């Protein structure tokens, strides 16, 4: 699935199941909440925190998909073409960071 296809699928889902998009501020709050759920799993699975009973059944892929879904909602409702935005962002990062990261002694194994 391409980013453009994902944007269209999410838009169709909202129209058919969600009635309408939540406003941008609500979606920003939801995005923050979803990122927090990803952080919770990461801190327990890869960090030093232990899992709690309430963490059982939490799936990192599902939580990342929740983040992506809300991010796509925000893109759709603000008229952002994620394909074009990502292309431009990668160009910016390549111009700015390609040599910086290669020369970072902290990243050398």
PDB file of N, CA and C in Angstrom:
ATOM      1  N   UNK A   1       0.845  -1.173   0.000  1.00  0.00           N
ATOM      2  CA  UNK A   1       0.000   0.000   0.000  1.00  0.00           C
ATOM      3  C   UNK A   1       0.896   1.244   0.000  1.00  0.00           C
ATOM      4  N   UNK A   2       0.599   2.183  -0.861  1.00  0.00           N
ATOM      5  CA  UNK A   2       1.354   3.432  -0.902  1.00  0.00           C
ATOM      6  C   UNK A   2       0.793   4.396   0.143  1.00  0.00           C
ATOM      7  N   UNK A   3       1.522   5.461   0.379  1.00  0.00           N
ATOM      8  CA  UNK A   3       1.016   6.485   1.290  1.00  0.00           C
ATOM      9  C   UNK A   3      -0.273   7.104   0.753  1.00  0.00           C
ATOM     10  N   UNK A   4      -0.315   7.350  -0.543  1.00  0.00           N
ATOM     11  CA  UNK A   4      -1.527   7.927  -1.144  1.00  0.00           C
ATOM     12  C   UNK A   4      -2.713   6.982  -0.978  1.00  0.00           C
ATOM     13  N   UNK A   5      -2.472   5.692  -1.172  1.00  0.00           N
ATOM     14  CA  UNK A   5      -3.548   4.717  -0.975  1.00  0.00           C
ATOM     15  C   UNK A   5      -3.993   4.687   0.481  1.00  0.00           C
ATOM     16  N   UNK A   6      -3.036   4.748   1.396  1.00  0.00           N
ATOM     17  CA  UNK A   6      -3.371   4.757   2.826  1.00  0.00           C
ATOM     18  C   UNK A   6      -4.205   5.981   3.168  1.00  0.00           C
ATOM     19  N   UNK A   7      -3.846   7.124   2.613  1.00  0.00           N
ATOM     20  CA  UNK A   7      -4.624   8.338   2.879  1.00  0.00           C
ATOM     21  C   UNK A   7      -6.052   8.188   2.361  1.00  0.00           C
ATOM     22  N   UNK A   8      -6.209   7.600   1.194  1.00  0.00           N
ATOM     23  CA  UNK A   8      -7.553   7.400   0.630  1.00  0.00           C
ATOM     24  C   UNK A   8      -8.351   6.381   1.447  1.00  0.00           C
ATOM     25  N   UNK A   9      -7.697   5.314   1.881  1.00  0.00           N
ATOM     26  CA  UNK A   9      -8.377   4.280   2.666  1.00  0.00           C
ATOM     27  C   UNK A   9      -8.847   4.842   4.002  1.00  0.00           C
ATOM     28  N   UNK A  10      -7.984   5.595   4.667  1.00  0.00           N
ATOM     29  CA  UNK A  10      -8.367   6.191   5.945  1.00  0.00           C
ATOM     30  C   UNK A  10      -9.515   7.168   5.745  1.00  0.00           C
ATOM     31  N   UNK A  11      -9.451   7.975   4.695  1.00  0.00           N
ATOM     32  CA  UNK A  11     -10.535   8.927   4.433  1.00  0.00           C
ATOM     33  C   UNK A  11     -11.863   8.202   4.206  1.00  0.00           C
ATOM     34  N   UNK A  12     -11.811   7.124   3.426  1.00  0.00           N
ATOM     35  CA  UNK A  12     -13.024   6.339   3.186  1.00  0.00           C
ATOM     36  C   UNK A  12     -13.540   5.745   4.492  1.00  0.00           C
ATOM     37  N   UNK A  13     -12.645   5.239   5.328  1.00  0.00           N
ATOM     38  CA  UNK A  13     -13.055   4.650   6.604  1.00  0.00           C
ATOM     39  C   UNK A  13     -13.726   5.700   7.487  1.00  0.00           C
ATOM     40  N   UNK A  14     -13.142   6.884   7.525  1.00  0.00           N
ATOM     41  CA  UNK A  14     -13.735   7.969   8.330  1.00  0.00           C
ATOM     42  C   UNK A  14     -15.138   8.282   7.821  1.00  0.00           C
ATOM     43  N   UNK A  15     -15.293   8.394   6.509  1.00  0.00           N
ATOM     44  CA  UNK A  15     -16.604   8.729   5.941  1.00  0.00           C
ATOM     45  C   UNK A  15     -17.635   7.637   6.223  1.00  0.00           C
ATOM     46  N   UNK A  16     -17.219   6.392   6.194  1.00  0.00           N
ATOM     47  CA  UNK A  16     -18.160   5.280   6.352  1.00  0.00           C
ATOM     48  C   UNK A  16     -18.367   4.862   7.808  1.00  0.00           C
ATOM     49  N   UNK A  17     -17.362   5.016   8.646  1.00  0.00           N
ATOM     50  CA  UNK A  17     -17.427   4.498  10.015  1.00  0.00           C
ATOM     51  C   UNK A  17     -17.256   5.554  11.098  1.00  0.00           C
ATOM     52  N   UNK A  18     -16.552   6.593  10.786  1.00  0.00           N
ATOM     53  CA  UNK A  18     -16.227   7.587  11.804  1.00  0.00           C
ATOM     54  C   UNK A  18     -17.125   8.807  11.786  1.00  0.00           C
ATOM     55  N   UNK A  19     -18.042   8.868  10.870  1.00  0.00           N
ATOM     56  CA  UNK A  19     -18.965   9.990  10.662  1.00  0.00           C
ATOM     57  C   UNK A  19     -18.227  11.208  10.129  1.00  0.00           C
ATOM     58  N   UNK A  20     -17.223  11.679  10.859  1.00  0.00           N
ATOM     59  CA  UNK A  20     -16.402  12.805  10.410  1.00  0.00           C
ATOM     60  C   UNK A  20     -15.082  12.754  11.151  1.00  0.00           C
ATOM     61  N   UNK A  21     -14.112  13.535  10.693  1.00  0.00           N
ATOM     62  CA  UNK A  21     -12.844  13.642  11.404  1.00  0.00           C
ATOM     63  C   UNK A  21     -13.068  14.399  12.710  1.00  0.00           C
ATOM     64  N   UNK A  22     -12.360  13.985  13.773  1.00  0.00           N
ATOM     65  CA  UNK A  22     -12.276  14.836  14.957  1.00  0.00           C
ATOM     66  C   UNK A  22     -11.525  16.091  14.529  1.00  0.00           C
ATOM     67  N   UNK A  23     -11.700  17.195  15.241  1.00  0.00           N
ATOM     68  CA  UNK A  23     -10.961  18.394  14.836  1.00  0.00           C
ATOM     69  C   UNK A  23      -9.460  18.188  15.049  1.00  0.00           C
ATOM     70  N   UNK A  24      -8.690  19.076  14.467  1.00  0.00           N
ATOM     71  CA  UNK A  24      -7.232  18.926  14.461  1.00  0.00           C
ATOM     72  C   UNK A  24      -6.645  18.890  15.875  1.00  0.00           C
ATOM     73  N   UNK A  25      -7.155  19.713  16.775  1.00  0.00           N
ATOM     74  CA  UNK A  25      -6.627  19.720  18.141  1.00  0.00           C
ATOM     75  C   UNK A  25      -6.932  18.409  18.859  1.00  0.00           C
ATOM     76  N   UNK A  26      -8.125  17.885  18.649  1.00  0.00           N
ATOM     77  CA  UNK A  26      -8.466  16.591  19.246  1.00  0.00           C
ATOM     78  C   UNK A  26      -7.574  15.502  18.687  1.00  0.00           C
ATOM     79  N   UNK A  27      -7.371  15.498  17.382  1.00  0.00           N
ATOM     80  CA  UNK A  27      -6.502  14.484  16.779  1.00  0.00           C
ATOM     81  C   UNK A  27      -5.057  14.631  17.243  1.00  0.00           C
ATOM     82  N   UNK A  28      -4.612  15.848  17.490  1.00  0.00           N
ATOM     83  CA  UNK A  28      -3.254  16.033  18.013  1.00  0.00           C
ATOM     84  C   UNK A  28      -3.148  15.423  19.403  1.00  0.00           C
ATOM     85  N   UNK A  29      -4.160  15.609  20.223  1.00  0.00           N
ATOM     86  CA  UNK A  29      -4.168  15.012  21.559  1.00  0.00           C
ATOM     87  C   UNK A  29      -4.202  13.481  21.463  1.00  0.00           C
ATOM     88  N   UNK A  30      -5.016  12.959  20.554  1.00  0.00           N
ATOM     89  CA  UNK A  30      -5.087  11.505  20.358  1.00  0.00           C
ATOM     90  C   UNK A  30      -3.742  10.969  19.881  1.00  0.00           C
ATOM     91  N   UNK A  31      -3.090  11.688  18.967  1.00  0.00           N
ATOM     92  CA  UNK A  31      -1.774  11.264  18.473  1.00  0.00           C
ATOM     93  C   UNK A  31      -0.772  11.186  19.620  1.00  0.00           C
ATOM     94  N   UNK A  32      -0.792  12.180  20.484  1.00  0.00           N
ATOM     95  CA  UNK A  32       0.106  12.189  21.631  1.00  0.00           C
ATOM     96  C   UNK A  32      -0.165  10.988  22.540  1.00  0.00           C
ATOM     97  N   UNK A  33      -1.433  10.701  22.753  1.00  0.00           N
ATOM     98  CA  UNK A  33      -1.820   9.543  23.571  1.00  0.00           C
ATOM     99  C   UNK A  33      -1.321   8.244  22.946  1.00  0.00           C
ATOM    100  N   UNK A  34      -1.496   8.112  21.643  1.00  0.00           N
ATOM    101  CA  UNK A  34      -1.062   6.890  20.957  1.00  0.00           C
ATOM    102  C   UNK A  34       0.451   6.732  20.988  1.00  0.00           C
ATOM    103  N   UNK A  35       1.183   7.832  20.831  1.00  0.00           N
ATOM    104  CA  UNK A  35       2.646   7.769  20.912  1.00  0.00           C
ATOM    105  C   UNK A  35       3.062   7.346  22.321  1.00  0.00           C
ATOM    106  N   UNK A  36       2.326   7.804  23.321  1.00  0.00           N
ATOM    107  CA  UNK A  36       2.593   7.382  24.691  1.00  0.00           C
ATOM    108  C   UNK A  36       2.420   5.883  24.867  1.00  0.00           C
ATOM    109  N   UNK A  37       1.432   5.306  24.205  1.00  0.00           N
ATOM    110  CA  UNK A  37       1.223   3.860  24.289  1.00  0.00           C
ATOM    111  C   UNK A  37       2.381   3.109  23.635  1.00  0.00           C
ATOM    112  N   UNK A  38       2.905   3.649  22.537  1.00  0.00           N
ATOM    113  CA  UNK A  38       4.089   3.049  21.901  1.00  0.00           C
ATOM    114  C   UNK A  38       5.276   3.140  22.863  1.00  0.00           C
ATOM    115  N   UNK A  39       5.446   4.295  23.488  1.00  0.00           N
ATOM    116  CA  UNK A  39       6.559   4.485  24.423  1.00  0.00           C
ATOM    117  C   UNK A  39       6.468   3.499  25.589  1.00  0.00           C
ATOM    118  N   UNK A  40       5.260   3.257  26.059  1.00  0.00           N
ATOM    119  CA  UNK A  40       5.059   2.329  27.174  1.00  0.00           C
ATOM    120  C   UNK A  40       5.547   0.920  26.801  1.00  0.00           C
ATOM    121  N   UNK A  41       5.176   0.465  25.612  1.00  0.00           N
ATOM    122  CA  UNK A  41       5.607  -0.859  25.170  1.00  0.00           C
ATOM    123  C   UNK A  41       7.126  -0.903  24.968  1.00  0.00           C
ATOM    124  N   UNK A  42       7.673   0.099  24.314  1.00  0.00           N
ATOM    125  CA  UNK A  42       9.116   0.140  24.051  1.00  0.00           C
ATOM    126  C   UNK A  42       9.901   0.134  25.361  1.00  0.00           C
ATOM    127  N   UNK A  43       9.442   0.931  26.337  1.00  0.00           N
ATOM    128  CA  UNK A  43      10.176   1.015  27.607  1.00  0.00           C
ATOM    129  C   UNK A  43      10.154  -0.298  28.359  1.00  0.00           C
ATOM    130  N   UNK A  44       9.123  -1.110  28.140  1.00  0.00           N
ATOM    131  CA  UNK A  44       9.032  -2.387  28.819  1.00  0.00           C
ATOM    132  C   UNK A  44       9.696  -3.511  28.029  1.00  0.00           C
ATOM    133  N   UNK A  45       9.540  -3.467  26.713  1.00  0.00           N
ATOM    134  CA  UNK A  45      10.089  -4.546  25.888  1.00  0.00           C
ATOM    135  C   UNK A  45      11.587  -4.385  25.650  1.00  0.00           C
ATOM    136  N   UNK A  46      12.040  -3.137  25.472  1.00  0.00           N
ATOM    137  CA  UNK A  46      13.444  -2.910  25.146  1.00  0.00           C
ATOM    138  C   UNK A  46      14.190  -2.151  26.238  1.00  0.00           C
ATOM    139  N   UNK A  47      13.443  -1.545  27.154  1.00  0.00           N
ATOM    140  CA  UNK A  47      14.056  -0.784  28.237  1.00  0.00           C
ATOM    141  C   UNK A  47      14.105  -1.591  29.514  1.00  0.00           C
ATOM    142  N   UNK A  48      14.211  -0.902  30.607  1.00  0.00           N
ATOM    143  CA  UNK A  48      14.425  -1.541  31.895  1.00  0.00           C
ATOM    144  C   UNK A  48      13.163  -1.711  32.722  1.00  0.00           C
ATOM    145  N   UNK A  49      12.045  -1.166  32.266  1.00  0.00           N
ATOM    146  CA  UNK A  49      10.811  -1.333  33.015  1.00  0.00           C
ATOM    147  C   UNK A  49      10.238  -2.732  32.799  1.00  0.00           C
ATOM    148  N   UNK A  50       9.550  -3.235  33.813  1.00  0.00           N
ATOM    149  CA  UNK A  50       8.908  -4.540  33.684  1.00  0.00           C
ATOM    150  C   UNK A  50       7.457  -4.350  33.269  1.00  0.00           C
ATOM    151  N   UNK A  51       6.905  -5.382  32.659  1.00  0.00           N
ATOM    152  CA  UNK A  51       5.511  -5.346  32.238  1.00  0.00           C
ATOM    153  C   UNK A  51       4.602  -5.434  33.451  1.00  0.00           C
ATOM    154  N   UNK A  52       3.480  -4.747  33.373  1.00  0.00           N
ATOM    155  CA  UNK A  52       2.436  -4.828  34.392  1.00  0.00           C
ATOM    156  C   UNK A  52       1.323  -5.713  33.850  1.00  0.00           C
ATOM    157  N   UNK A  53       0.459  -6.150  34.716  1.00  0.00           N
ATOM    158  CA  UNK A  53      -0.690  -6.962  34.303  1.00  0.00           C
ATOM    159  C   UNK A  53      -1.489  -6.228  33.219  1.00  0.00           C
ATOM    160  N   UNK A  54      -1.636  -4.901  33.376  1.00  0.00           N
ATOM    161  CA  UNK A  54      -2.417  -4.109  32.418  1.00  0.00           C
ATOM    162  C   UNK A  54      -1.747  -4.009  31.049  1.00  0.00           C
ATOM    163  N   UNK A  55      -0.465  -4.388  30.954  1.00  0.00           N
ATOM    164  CA  UNK A  55       0.259  -4.346  29.677  1.00  0.00           C
ATOM    165  C   UNK A  55       0.048  -5.601  28.841  1.00  0.00           C
ATOM    166  N   UNK A  56      -0.522  -6.634  29.457  1.00  0.00           N
ATOM    167  CA  UNK A  56      -0.709  -7.894  28.746  1.00  0.00           C
ATOM    168  C   UNK A  56      -1.592  -7.692  27.522  1.00  0.00           C
ATOM    169  N   UNK A  57      -1.202  -8.316  26.429  1.00  0.00           N
ATOM    170  CA  UNK A  57      -1.979  -8.232  25.205  1.00  0.00           C
ATOM    171  C   UNK A  57      -1.675  -7.015  24.353  1.00  0.00           C
ATOM    172  N   UNK A  58      -0.847  -6.109  24.836  1.00  0.00           N
ATOM    173  CA  UNK A  58      -0.478  -4.931  24.045  1.00  0.00           C
ATOM    174  C   UNK A  58       0.499  -5.361  22.961  1.00  0.00           C
ATOM    175  N   UNK A  59       0.273  -4.875  21.760  1.00  0.00           N
ATOM    176  CA  UNK A  59       1.064  -5.275  20.604  1.00  0.00           C
ATOM    177  C   UNK A  59       1.695  -4.039  19.984  1.00  0.00           C
ATOM    178  N   UNK A  60       3.007  -4.033  19.849  1.00  0.00           N
ATOM    179  CA  UNK A  60       3.709  -2.870  19.318  1.00  0.00           C
ATOM    180  C   UNK A  60       3.238  -2.514  17.915  1.00  0.00           C
ATOM    181  N   UNK A  61       3.081  -3.511  17.056  1.00  0.00           N
ATOM    182  CA  UNK A  61       2.630  -3.238  15.688  1.00  0.00           C
ATOM    183  C   UNK A  61       1.265  -2.570  15.663  1.00  0.00           C
ATOM    184  N   UNK A  62       0.357  -3.033  16.503  1.00  0.00           N
ATOM    185  CA  UNK A  62      -0.982  -2.452  16.569  1.00  0.00           C
ATOM    186  C   UNK A  62      -0.917  -1.011  17.065  1.00  0.00           C
ATOM    187  N   UNK A  63      -0.086  -0.756  18.055  1.00  0.00           N
ATOM    188  CA  UNK A  63       0.032   0.604  18.586  1.00  0.00           C
ATOM    189  C   UNK A  63       0.692   1.536  17.573  1.00  0.00           C
ATOM    190  N   UNK A  64       1.693   1.037  16.846  1.00  0.00           N
ATOM    191  CA  UNK A  64       2.302   1.850  15.789  1.00  0.00           C
ATOM    192  C   UNK A  64       1.282   2.156  14.690  1.00  0.00           C
ATOM    193  N   UNK A  65       0.425   1.178  14.383  1.00  0.00           N
ATOM    194  CA  UNK A  65      -0.621   1.404  13.385  1.00  0.00           C
ATOM    195  C   UNK A  65      -1.614   2.463  13.870  1.00  0.00           C
ATOM    196  N   UNK A  66      -1.908   2.482  15.181  1.00  0.00           N
ATOM    197  CA  UNK A  66      -2.772   3.537  15.724  1.00  0.00           C
ATOM    198  C   UNK A  66      -2.145   4.910  15.507  1.00  0.00           C
ATOM    199  N   UNK A  67      -0.832   5.015  15.741  1.00  0.00           N
ATOM    200  CA  UNK A  67      -0.123   6.277  15.515  1.00  0.00           C
ATOM    201  C   UNK A  67      -0.232   6.673  14.046  1.00  0.00           C
ATOM    202  N   UNK A  68       0.018   5.728  13.159  1.00  0.00           N
ATOM    203  CA  UNK A  68      -0.038   6.001  11.729  1.00  0.00           C
ATOM    204  C   UNK A  68      -1.433   6.433  11.299  1.00  0.00           C
ATOM    205  N   UNK A  69      -2.456   5.774  11.811  1.00  0.00           N
ATOM    206  CA  UNK A  69      -3.837   6.109  11.473  1.00  0.00           C
ATOM    207  C   UNK A  69      -4.147   7.561  11.838  1.00  0.00           C
ATOM    208  N   UNK A  70      -3.814   7.961  13.048  1.00  0.00           N
ATOM    209  CA  UNK A  70      -4.120   9.331  13.476  1.00  0.00           C
ATOM    210  C   UNK A  70      -3.265  10.335  12.705  1.00  0.00           C
ATOM    211  N   UNK A  71      -2.016   9.978  12.428  1.00  0.00           N
ATOM    212  CA  UNK A  71      -1.156  10.847  11.628  1.00  0.00           C
ATOM    213  C   UNK A  71      -1.747  11.056  10.234  1.00  0.00           C
ATOM    214  N   UNK A  72      -2.261   9.991   9.653  1.00  0.00           N
ATOM    215  CA  UNK A  72      -2.901  10.100   8.340  1.00  0.00           C
ATOM    216  C   UNK A  72      -4.164  10.951   8.432  1.00  0.00           C
ATOM    217  N   UNK A  73      -4.924  10.796   9.501  1.00  0.00           N
ATOM    218  CA  UNK A  73      -6.102  11.651   9.688  1.00  0.00           C
ATOM    219  C   UNK A  73      -5.700  13.121   9.691  1.00  0.00           C
ATOM    220  N   UNK A  74      -4.656  13.460  10.437  1.00  0.00           N
ATOM    221  CA  UNK A  74      -4.195  14.851  10.479  1.00  0.00           C
ATOM    222  C   UNK A  74      -3.730  15.325   9.109  1.00  0.00           C
ATOM    223  N   UNK A  75      -3.036  14.470   8.379  1.00  0.00           N
ATOM    224  CA  UNK A  75      -2.597  14.839   7.031  1.00  0.00           C
ATOM    225  C   UNK A  75      -3.806  15.096   6.135  1.00  0.00           C
ATOM    226  N   UNK A  76      -4.773  14.208   6.178  1.00  0.00           N
ATOM    227  CA  UNK A  76      -5.959  14.358   5.332  1.00  0.00           C
ATOM    228  C   UNK A  76      -6.704  15.647   5.638  1.00  0.00           C
ATOM    229  N   UNK A  77      -6.919  15.914   6.901  1.00  0.00           N
ATOM    230  CA  UNK A  77      -7.747  17.067   7.232  1.00  0.00           C
ATOM    231  C   UNK A  77      -7.017  18.398   7.076  1.00  0.00           C
ATOM    232  N   UNK A  78      -5.689  18.357   6.954  1.00  0.00           N
ATOM    233  CA  UNK A  78      -4.935  19.588   6.724  1.00  0.00           C
ATOM    234  C   UNK A  78      -4.473  19.721   5.278  1.00  0.00           C
ATOM    235  N   UNK A  79      -4.894  18.773   4.430  1.00  0.00           N
ATOM    236  CA  UNK A  79      -4.544  18.843   3.016  1.00  0.00           C
ATOM    237  C   UNK A  79      -3.082  18.528   2.731  1.00  0.00           C
ATOM    238  N   UNK A  80      -2.464  17.709   3.562  1.00  0.00           N
ATOM    239  CA  UNK A  80      -1.058  17.353   3.389  1.00  0.00           C
ATOM    240  C   UNK A  80      -0.937  16.059   2.598  1.00  0.00           C
ATOM    241  N   UNK A  81      -0.215  16.115   1.501  1.00  0.00           N
ATOM    242  CA  UNK A  81       0.092  14.934   0.697  1.00  0.00           C
ATOM    243  C   UNK A  81       1.326  14.295   1.318  1.00  0.00           C
ATOM    244  N   UNK A  82       1.136  13.185   2.013  1.00  0.00           N
ATOM    245  CA  UNK A  82       2.246  12.562   2.729  1.00  0.00           C
ATOM    246  C   UNK A  82       3.334  12.039   1.800  1.00  0.00           C
ATOM    247  N   UNK A  83       2.974  11.608   0.610  1.00  0.00           N
ATOM    248  CA  UNK A  83       3.988  11.138  -0.345  1.00  0.00           C
ATOM    249  C   UNK A  83       4.940  12.267  -0.685  1.00  0.00           C
ATOM    250  N   UNK A  84       4.393  13.422  -1.037  1.00  0.00           N
ATOM    251  CA  UNK A  84       5.205  14.582  -1.403  1.00  0.00           C
ATOM    252  C   UNK A  84       5.961  15.113  -0.184  1.00  0.00           C
ATOM    253  N   UNK A  85       5.301  15.147   0.962  1.00  0.00           N
ATOM    254  CA  UNK A  85       5.950  15.641   2.180  1.00  0.00           C
ATOM    255  C   UNK A  85       7.139  14.768   2.557  1.00  0.00           C
ATOM    256  N   UNK A  86       6.971  13.449   2.478  1.00  0.00           N
ATOM    257  CA  UNK A  86       8.074  12.542   2.812  1.00  0.00           C
ATOM    258  C   UNK A  86       9.206  12.663   1.802  1.00  0.00           C
ATOM    259  N   UNK A  87       8.865  12.777   0.522  1.00  0.00           N
ATOM    260  CA  UNK A  87       9.900  12.943  -0.506  1.00  0.00           C
ATOM    261  C   UNK A  87      10.741  14.182  -0.217  1.00  0.00           C
ATOM    262  N   UNK A  88      10.088  15.299   0.047  1.00  0.00           N
ATOM    263  CA  UNK A  88      10.808  16.543   0.334  1.00  0.00           C
ATOM    264  C   UNK A  88      11.614  16.431   1.626  1.00  0.00           C
ATOM    265  N   UNK A  89      11.058  15.763   2.620  1.00  0.00           N
ATOM    266  CA  UNK A  89      11.736  15.613   3.896  1.00  0.00           C
ATOM    267  C   UNK A  89      13.000  14.777   3.749  1.00  0.00           C
ATOM    268  N   UNK A  90      12.926  13.704   2.952  1.00  0.00           N
ATOM    269  CA  UNK A  90      14.109  12.877   2.717  1.00  0.00           C
ATOM    270  C   UNK A  90      15.187  13.642   1.957  1.00  0.00           C
ATOM    271  N   UNK A  91      14.782  14.478   1.004  1.00  0.00           N
ATOM    272  CA  UNK A  91      15.751  15.316   0.293  1.00  0.00           C
ATOM    273  C   UNK A  91      16.450  16.252   1.273  1.00  0.00           C
ATOM    274  N   UNK A  92      15.674  16.869   2.170  1.00  0.00           N
ATOM    275  CA  UNK A  92      16.235  17.776   3.171  1.00  0.00           C
ATOM    276  C   UNK A  92      17.212  17.034   4.077  1.00  0.00           C
ATOM    277  N   UNK A  93      16.807  15.874   4.562  1.00  0.00           N
ATOM    278  CA  UNK A  93      17.662  15.104   5.461  1.00  0.00           C
ATOM    279  C   UNK A  93      18.940  14.648   4.756  1.00  0.00           C
ATOM    280  N   UNK A  94      18.829  14.249   3.500  1.00  0.00           N
ATOM    281  CA  UNK A  94      19.993  13.798   2.751  1.00  0.00           C
ATOM    282  C   UNK A  94      20.983  14.944   2.573  1.00  0.00           C
ATOM    283  N   UNK A  95      20.489  16.108   2.195  1.00  0.00           N
ATOM    284  CA  UNK A  95      21.367  17.260   1.998  1.00  0.00           C
ATOM    285  C   UNK A  95      22.018  17.696   3.308  1.00  0.00           C
ATOM    286  N   UNK A  96      21.280  17.598   4.384  1.00  0.00           N
ATOM    287  CA  UNK A  96      21.765  18.094   5.673  1.00  0.00           C
ATOM    288  C   UNK A  96      22.587  17.067   6.442  1.00  0.00           C
ATOM    289  N   UNK A  97      22.206  15.801   6.366  1.00  0.00           N
ATOM    290  CA  UNK A  97      22.718  14.835   7.335  1.00  0.00           C
ATOM    291  C   UNK A  97      23.560  13.691   6.789  1.00  0.00           C
ATOM    292  N   UNK A  98      23.633  13.491   5.479  1.00  0.00           N
ATOM    293  CA  UNK A  98      24.295  12.277   4.993  1.00  0.00           C
ATOM    294  C   UNK A  98      25.744  12.193   5.448  1.00  0.00           C
ATOM    295  N   UNK A  99      26.498  13.243   5.352  1.00  0.00           N
ATOM    296  CA  UNK A  99      27.893  13.211   5.780  1.00  0.00           C
ATOM    297  C   UNK A  99      28.013  13.341   7.288  1.00  0.00           C
ATOM    298  N   UNK A 100      27.111  14.073   7.911  1.00  0.00           N
ATOM    299  CA  UNK A 100      27.155  14.275   9.361  1.00  0.00           C
ATOM    300  C   UNK A 100      27.075  12.933  10.085  1.00  0.00           C
ATOM    301  N   UNK A 101      26.156  12.082   9.664  1.00  0.00           N
ATOM    302  CA  UNK A 101      26.005  10.792  10.323  1.00  0.00           C
ATOM    303  C   UNK A 101      27.176   9.862  10.020  1.00  0.00           C
ATOM    304  N   UNK A 102      27.662   9.899   8.798  1.00  0.00           N
ATOM    305  CA  UNK A 102      28.817   9.056   8.426  1.00  0.00           C
ATOM    306  C   UNK A 102      30.048   9.433   9.237  1.00  0.00           C
ATOM    307  N   UNK A 103      30.161  10.700   9.599  1.00  0.00           N
ATOM    308  CA  UNK A 103      31.335  11.182  10.330  1.00  0.00           C
ATOM    309  C   UNK A 103      31.120  11.213  11.850  1.00  0.00           C
ATOM    310  N   UNK A 104      30.001  10.747  12.326  1.00  0.00           N
ATOM    311  CA  UNK A 104      29.712  10.740  13.760  1.00  0.00           C
ATOM    312  C   UNK A 104      30.401   9.549  14.422  1.00  0.00           C
ATOM    313  N   UNK A 105      31.408   9.831  15.216  1.00  0.00           N
ATOM    314  CA  UNK A 105      32.179   8.772  15.888  1.00  0.00           C
ATOM    315  C   UNK A 105      31.310   7.974  16.845  1.00  0.00           C
ATOM    316  N   UNK A 106      30.254   8.562  17.349  1.00  0.00           N
ATOM    317  CA  UNK A 106      29.357   7.870  18.275  1.00  0.00           C
ATOM    318  C   UNK A 106      28.583   6.745  17.577  1.00  0.00           C
ATOM    319  N   UNK A 107      28.454   6.840  16.247  1.00  0.00           N
ATOM    320  CA  UNK A 107      27.705   5.823  15.501  1.00  0.00           C
ATOM    321  C   UNK A 107      28.589   4.702  14.967  1.00  0.00           C
ATOM    322  N   UNK A 108      29.867   4.847  15.114  1.00  0.00           N
ATOM    323  CA  UNK A 108      30.803   3.809  14.643  1.00  0.00           C
ATOM    324  C   UNK A 108      30.766   2.636  15.611  1.00  0.00           C
ATOM    325  N   UNK A 109      30.701   1.431  15.079  1.00  0.00           N
ATOM    326  CA  UNK A 109      30.620   0.231  15.916  1.00  0.00           C
ATOM    327  C   UNK A 109      31.939  -0.186  16.364  1.00  0.00           C
TER     328      UNK A 109
END
